[in-house]
Amino acid sequence: MKGTTAGALFAVGAYLIWGILPLYFLALAPASAFEIVGWRVVFALAFCIVLITATRGWPSLLSVLRQPRLVLIMGVAGALIYVNWQTYVLATTSGQVVEASLGYFINPIVTILLGVFLLHERLRRLQWVALGLSGVAVVVLAIGYGAVPWISLVLAFSFGLYGLLKKQVGPRIDAVNGLTLESMWLVPLVVIQLCFVGATTGITFGNVSGWHTTAMVGAGVITAIPLLLFAAAAKRLPLSSMGFIQYLTPVIQFVIGVVLLGEPMPPERLAGFALVWIALVILSVDVVRTSRRSRRSAGLQIANDIRTAHTENTLET
């Protein structure tokens, strides 16, 4: 019970931090989205190096570095999370937090879609209904926006593919080593990016205020901490529980966008979101039903095994 409670607290902590990130990135003004992501990668790597040193985790990281295929996979994961981070920060700093929240609302549905096409999984009836409603929602939102909601789709698919990739290598690499390798792959890219920012709009880091500089450094820390909390939660909670708690992030982002930042919510946009929310309710019902059936089947199997063993013992005596 203690482990489950701790897991729930870790999960809530991770999703709360991810939920309030729009406010954090907005507080980094006048830094541009490209500068924020650049420093975010640099300081996330720095934080990981400090953490690995403090926990004496260098042998573990060196062991991972001796596996070229795994290192290459983490490079692909780094590219996916870079696309996700850059799109998310661009959305936040350009007043599109609500559309960004939509991306994380539809992420579970995109994950199912990826499972069908990439892992050849078979869907249950309610999952097909949820997918159909989500497709209609995207059409409604496209009509409302006058364009396809690319920010939402890029965020959902980049994070969905990232999660799929991380799931494949999960047992072979922990959260700290994973983020370290991803950041190492991205550092050359963001160095070029920061040089470009310096040559065009100018670097704000160290040139605004002490608080601003500290907050920019903190962008790396606030990147690493929820990932570590998430990893700790995943070890203590079943996947279904994590699935329900994950909705906390887009809900917080949605409230921030609509209530605090006053982003518009016309009827057609609300209709699109409502369809997505209905799809998520259907998906949640399916998860609960499937989980109960699995537990019931497992219980019946155990009972049958016990009866069989008892019968065999009786015959032997």
Protein backbone atom coordinates (compact mmCIF):
# COMPACT_ATOMS: atom_id res chain seq x y z
CA MET A 1 0.00 0.00 0.00
CA LYS A 2 2.82 2.36 0.84
CA GLY A 3 4.41 1.71 -2.53
CA THR A 4 1.15 2.44 -4.34
CA THR A 5 0.64 5.68 -2.39
CA ALA A 6 4.19 6.80 -3.10
CA GLY A 7 3.74 5.92 -6.78
CA ALA A 8 0.55 8.01 -6.98
CA LEU A 9 2.32 10.98 -5.35
CA PHE A 10 5.26 10.67 -7.75
CA ALA A 11 2.89 10.53 -10.72
CA VAL A 12 0.83 13.51 -9.56
CA GLY A 13 4.05 15.46 -8.99
CA ALA A 14 5.32 14.71 -12.49
CA TYR A 15 2.07 15.60 -14.23
CA LEU A 16 1.58 18.74 -12.11
CA ILE A 17 5.01 20.03 -13.15
CA TRP A 18 4.33 19.25 -16.81
CA GLY A 19 0.97 21.00 -16.46
CA ILE A 20 2.36 24.31 -15.18
CA LEU A 21 5.26 24.45 -17.64
CA PRO A 22 3.46 27.02 -19.85
CA LEU A 23 3.62 29.56 -17.00
CA TYR A 24 7.29 28.78 -16.45
CA PHE A 25 8.20 29.29 -20.10
CA LEU A 26 6.18 32.50 -20.31
CA ALA A 27 8.12 33.80 -17.30
CA LEU A 28 11.32 33.42 -19.34
CA ALA A 29 10.36 36.34 -21.64
CA PRO A 30 11.96 38.06 -23.50
CA ALA A 31 13.82 34.85 -24.42
CA SER A 32 12.57 33.30 -27.67
CA ALA A 33 11.28 29.75 -27.95
CA PHE A 34 14.48 28.68 -29.75
CA GLU A 35 16.71 30.12 -27.05
CA ILE A 36 14.61 28.53 -24.27
CA VAL A 37 14.84 25.06 -25.83
CA GLY A 38 18.56 25.51 -26.50
CA TRP A 39 19.38 26.29 -22.89
CA ARG A 40 16.87 23.69 -21.72
CA VAL A 41 18.87 20.94 -23.43
CA VAL A 42 22.24 22.29 -22.23
CA PHE A 43 21.19 22.63 -18.60
CA ALA A 44 19.25 19.35 -18.58
CA LEU A 45 22.52 17.63 -19.58
CA ALA A 46 24.43 19.57 -16.92
CA PHE A 47 21.89 18.55 -14.27
CA CYS A 48 22.09 14.90 -15.33
CA ILE A 49 25.91 14.96 -15.12
CA VAL A 50 25.72 16.38 -11.58
CA LEU A 51 23.13 13.76 -10.63
CA ILE A 52 25.15 10.89 -12.12
CA THR A 53 28.25 12.11 -10.29
CA ALA A 54 26.38 12.47 -6.99
CA THR A 55 24.87 8.99 -7.25
CA ARG A 56 28.06 7.41 -8.61
CA GLY A 57 26.21 6.33 -11.71
CA TRP A 58 29.08 6.65 -14.21
CA PRO A 59 29.66 2.85 -14.49
CA SER A 60 26.01 2.43 -15.48
CA LEU A 61 26.22 5.17 -18.14
CA LEU A 62 29.50 3.78 -19.51
CA SER A 63 27.86 0.37 -19.76
CA VAL A 64 25.10 1.90 -21.89
CA LEU A 65 27.64 3.72 -24.08
CA ARG A 66 29.19 0.34 -24.94
CA GLN A 67 25.92 -0.62 -26.69
CA PRO A 68 25.98 1.20 -30.06
CA ARG A 69 22.47 0.15 -31.06
CA LEU A 70 21.01 1.45 -27.81
CA VAL A 71 22.95 4.71 -28.15
CA LEU A 72 21.59 5.13 -31.68
CA ILE A 73 18.03 4.47 -30.53
CA MET A 74 18.43 7.16 -27.86
CA GLY A 75 19.57 9.51 -30.62
CA VAL A 76 16.26 8.91 -32.43
CA ALA A 77 14.43 9.42 -29.12
CA GLY A 78 16.35 12.67 -28.67
CA ALA A 79 15.23 13.89 -32.10
CA LEU A 80 11.59 13.10 -31.28
CA ILE A 81 11.66 14.83 -27.90
CA TYR A 82 13.41 17.84 -29.48
CA VAL A 83 10.54 18.19 -31.97
CA ASN A 84 8.09 17.87 -29.08
CA TRP A 85 9.86 20.42 -26.86
CA GLN A 86 10.37 22.95 -29.64
CA THR A 87 6.77 22.71 -30.82
CA TYR A 88 5.47 22.97 -27.26
CA VAL A 89 7.52 26.02 -26.33
CA LEU A 90 6.68 27.73 -29.63
CA ALA A 91 2.99 27.10 -28.92
CA THR A 92 3.29 28.42 -25.38
CA THR A 93 5.13 31.62 -26.28
CA SER A 94 2.82 32.35 -29.23
CA GLY A 95 -0.44 32.16 -27.27
CA GLN A 96 -1.53 28.66 -28.29
CA VAL A 97 -1.50 26.85 -24.94
CA VAL A 98 -5.02 25.48 -25.50
CA GLU A 99 -4.02 23.87 -28.80
CA ALA A 100 -0.94 22.43 -27.08
CA SER A 101 -3.18 20.93 -24.36
CA LEU A 102 -5.25 19.27 -27.10
CA GLY A 103 -2.11 17.47 -28.26
CA TYR A 104 -1.73 15.82 -24.86
CA PHE A 105 -5.45 15.05 -24.63
CA ILE A 106 -5.28 13.06 -27.87
CA ASN A 107 -1.89 11.50 -27.09
CA PRO A 108 -3.40 8.30 -25.57
CA ILE A 109 -5.52 7.85 -28.70
CA VAL A 110 -2.50 8.43 -30.95
CA THR A 111 -0.61 5.82 -28.91
CA ILE A 112 -3.36 3.29 -29.70
CA LEU A 113 -3.19 4.25 -33.38
CA LEU A 114 0.58 3.72 -33.40
CA GLY A 115 0.05 0.33 -31.77
CA VAL A 116 -2.24 -0.68 -34.64
CA PHE A 117 0.04 0.44 -37.48
CA LEU A 118 3.47 -0.22 -36.00
CA LEU A 119 2.87 -3.14 -33.62
CA HIS A 120 -0.08 -4.67 -35.52
CA GLU A 121 -2.25 -4.71 -32.40
CA ARG A 122 -5.96 -5.53 -32.68
CA LEU A 123 -8.42 -3.01 -31.31
CA ARG A 124 -11.49 -3.65 -29.20
CA ARG A 125 -14.85 -2.19 -30.23
CA LEU A 126 -14.76 0.76 -27.80
CA GLN A 127 -11.24 1.65 -28.92
CA TRP A 128 -12.49 1.87 -32.51
CA VAL A 129 -15.30 4.17 -31.35
CA ALA A 130 -12.82 6.40 -29.51
CA LEU A 131 -10.59 6.58 -32.59
CA GLY A 132 -13.54 7.46 -34.81
CA LEU A 133 -14.68 10.25 -32.48
CA SER A 134 -11.14 11.63 -32.36
CA GLY A 135 -10.99 11.71 -36.15
CA VAL A 136 -14.28 13.63 -36.26
CA ALA A 137 -12.91 15.98 -33.58
CA VAL A 138 -9.85 16.80 -35.71
CA VAL A 139 -12.14 17.57 -38.68
CA VAL A 140 -14.35 19.82 -36.51
CA LEU A 141 -11.31 21.63 -35.12
CA ALA A 142 -9.82 22.02 -38.60
CA ILE A 143 -13.05 23.65 -39.77
CA GLY A 144 -13.11 25.87 -36.67
CA TYR A 145 -9.46 26.90 -37.00
CA GLY A 146 -9.63 27.20 -40.76
CA ALA A 147 -6.58 24.93 -40.79
CA VAL A 148 -5.47 21.52 -39.52
CA PRO A 149 -4.45 21.74 -35.80
CA TRP A 150 -0.82 20.94 -36.62
CA ILE A 151 0.54 21.90 -33.19
CA SER A 152 -1.73 19.37 -31.48
CA LEU A 153 -0.97 16.63 -33.99
CA VAL A 154 2.81 17.18 -33.94
CA LEU A 155 2.84 17.14 -30.12
CA ALA A 156 0.67 14.01 -29.95
CA PHE A 157 2.57 12.01 -32.57
CA SER A 158 6.08 13.08 -31.50
CA PHE A 159 5.40 12.19 -27.86
CA GLY A 160 3.55 9.02 -28.88
CA LEU A 161 6.50 7.80 -30.97
CA TYR A 162 8.90 8.87 -28.20
CA GLY A 163 6.94 6.88 -25.63
CA LEU A 164 6.80 3.85 -27.94
CA LEU A 165 10.56 3.97 -28.44
CA LYS A 166 11.24 4.40 -24.72
CA LYS A 167 8.97 1.46 -23.95
CA GLN A 168 11.05 -0.76 -26.24
CA VAL A 169 14.32 0.10 -24.46
CA GLY A 170 12.85 0.71 -20.99
CA PRO A 171 14.36 -2.32 -19.22
CA ARG A 172 17.85 -1.53 -20.58
CA ILE A 173 18.20 2.13 -19.59
CA ASP A 174 16.91 4.24 -16.70
CA ALA A 175 15.45 7.76 -16.83
CA VAL A 176 18.68 9.63 -15.95
CA ASN A 177 20.89 7.78 -18.43
CA GLY A 178 18.18 8.09 -21.06
CA LEU A 179 17.85 11.85 -20.69
CA THR A 180 21.66 12.16 -20.57
CA LEU A 181 22.10 10.36 -23.90
CA GLU A 182 19.22 12.23 -25.53
CA SER A 183 20.72 15.54 -24.42
CA MET A 184 24.21 14.54 -25.57
CA TRP A 185 22.84 13.87 -29.05
CA LEU A 186 21.03 17.22 -29.09
CA VAL A 187 23.81 19.47 -27.75
CA PRO A 188 25.55 19.98 -31.15
CA LEU A 189 22.19 20.95 -32.67
CA VAL A 190 21.23 23.40 -29.93
CA VAL A 191 24.71 24.99 -29.94
CA ILE A 192 24.12 25.86 -33.62
CA GLN A 193 20.62 27.00 -32.67
CA LEU A 194 21.89 29.29 -29.91
CA CYS A 195 24.54 30.72 -32.24
CA PHE A 196 21.79 31.51 -34.75
CA VAL A 197 19.70 33.18 -32.03
CA GLY A 198 22.73 35.21 -30.96
CA ALA A 199 23.36 36.36 -34.52
CA THR A 200 19.73 37.36 -35.13
CA THR A 201 17.59 38.36 -32.16
CA GLY A 202 20.37 38.20 -29.58
CA ILE A 203 20.91 35.99 -26.50
CA THR A 204 18.98 37.06 -23.40
CA PHE A 205 20.68 34.61 -21.01
CA GLY A 206 22.80 36.59 -18.56
CA ASN A 207 21.65 39.91 -20.03
CA VAL A 208 18.26 40.50 -18.38
CA SER A 209 18.45 39.94 -14.62
CA GLY A 210 19.77 37.52 -12.04
CA TRP A 211 16.33 36.00 -11.61
CA HIS A 212 15.96 35.50 -15.36
CA THR A 213 19.37 33.81 -15.60
CA THR A 214 18.50 31.51 -12.67
CA ALA A 215 15.17 30.63 -14.26
CA MET A 216 16.87 29.78 -17.55
CA VAL A 217 19.25 27.43 -15.72
CA GLY A 218 16.22 26.03 -13.90
CA ALA A 219 14.65 25.08 -17.24
CA GLY A 220 17.07 22.16 -17.35
CA VAL A 221 16.22 21.10 -13.80
CA ILE A 222 12.47 21.34 -14.39
CA THR A 223 12.97 19.15 -17.46
CA ALA A 224 14.75 16.37 -15.56
CA ILE A 225 12.77 16.25 -12.29
CA PRO A 226 9.34 15.23 -13.69
CA LEU A 227 11.01 12.54 -15.82
CA LEU A 228 12.60 11.08 -12.68
CA LEU A 229 9.28 11.30 -10.80
CA PHE A 230 7.53 9.62 -13.73
CA ALA A 231 10.08 6.79 -13.78
CA ALA A 232 9.64 6.26 -10.02
CA ALA A 233 5.84 6.23 -10.40
CA ALA A 234 5.91 3.79 -13.31
CA LYS A 235 7.74 1.24 -11.13
CA ARG A 236 5.03 1.42 -8.42
CA LEU A 237 1.76 1.86 -10.31
CA PRO A 238 -0.08 -0.21 -12.93
CA LEU A 239 -0.24 1.29 -16.42
CA SER A 240 -3.99 1.89 -16.14
CA SER A 241 -3.52 4.12 -13.08
CA MET A 242 -0.78 6.09 -14.85
CA GLY A 243 -3.14 6.48 -17.80
CA PHE A 244 -5.81 8.17 -15.66
CA ILE A 245 -3.39 10.46 -13.82
CA GLN A 246 -1.80 11.62 -17.09
CA TYR A 247 -4.95 13.61 -17.95
CA LEU A 248 -3.98 15.99 -15.15
CA THR A 249 -1.39 17.66 -17.42
CA PRO A 250 -3.63 18.71 -20.34
CA VAL A 251 -6.44 19.70 -17.95
CA ILE A 252 -4.10 22.12 -16.16
CA GLN A 253 -2.78 23.43 -19.48
CA PHE A 254 -6.33 23.91 -20.76
CA VAL A 255 -7.32 25.89 -17.64
CA ILE A 256 -4.18 28.02 -17.88
CA GLY A 257 -4.87 28.77 -21.55
CA VAL A 258 -8.56 29.61 -21.17
CA VAL A 259 -8.80 31.10 -17.67
CA LEU A 260 -5.40 32.69 -16.99
CA LEU A 261 -4.26 33.61 -20.49
CA GLY A 262 -7.71 34.30 -21.94
CA GLU A 263 -7.25 32.33 -25.16
CA PRO A 264 -10.42 32.25 -27.31
CA MET A 265 -12.76 29.26 -27.06
CA PRO A 266 -15.38 29.65 -29.81
CA PRO A 267 -18.24 27.09 -30.07
CA GLU A 268 -16.64 25.03 -32.86
CA ARG A 269 -13.40 24.74 -30.89
CA LEU A 270 -15.31 23.72 -27.77
CA ALA A 271 -17.22 21.14 -29.84
CA GLY A 272 -13.94 19.63 -31.05
CA PHE A 273 -12.58 19.42 -27.50
CA ALA A 274 -15.88 17.92 -26.28
CA LEU A 275 -15.60 15.12 -28.86
CA VAL A 276 -12.04 14.39 -27.71
CA TRP A 277 -13.15 14.32 -24.06
CA ILE A 278 -16.01 11.91 -24.91
CA ALA A 279 -13.50 9.70 -26.75
CA LEU A 280 -11.26 9.71 -23.67
CA VAL A 281 -14.19 8.74 -21.41
CA ILE A 282 -15.00 5.82 -23.74
CA LEU A 283 -11.32 4.83 -23.74
CA SER A 284 -11.21 4.99 -19.92
CA VAL A 285 -14.31 2.82 -19.63
CA ASP A 286 -12.69 0.29 -21.95
CA VAL A 287 -9.51 0.26 -19.86
CA VAL A 288 -11.47 -0.33 -16.63
CA ARG A 289 -13.58 -3.12 -18.19
CA THR A 290 -10.54 -4.85 -19.67
CA SER A 291 -8.63 -4.55 -16.39
CA ARG A 292 -11.53 -6.10 -14.44
CA ARG A 293 -11.85 -8.96 -16.93
CA SER A 294 -8.12 -9.64 -16.71
CA ARG A 295 -8.24 -9.73 -12.91
CA ARG A 296 -11.33 -11.97 -12.99
CA SER A 297 -9.66 -14.34 -15.47
CA ALA A 298 -6.51 -14.42 -13.38
CA GLY A 299 -8.57 -15.16 -10.26
CA LEU A 300 -10.44 -17.99 -11.98
CA GLN A 301 -7.16 -19.46 -13.24
CA ILE A 302 -5.68 -19.41 -9.73
CA ALA A 303 -8.84 -21.03 -8.34
CA ASN A 304 -8.69 -23.74 -11.02
CA ASP A 305 -5.01 -24.36 -10.29
CA ILE A 306 -5.78 -24.73 -6.58
CA ARG A 307 -8.66 -27.15 -7.26
CA THR A 308 -6.49 -29.15 -9.64
CA ALA A 309 -3.67 -29.36 -7.10
CA HIS A 310 -6.12 -30.35 -4.36
CA THR A 311 -7.61 -33.09 -6.55
CA GLU A 312 -4.17 -34.46 -7.42
CA ASN A 313 -3.16 -34.51 -3.74
CA THR A 314 -6.39 -36.33 -2.84
CA LEU A 315 -5.80 -38.97 -5.51
CA GLU A 316 -2.22 -39.50 -4.38
CA THR A 317 -3.31 -40.10 -0.79
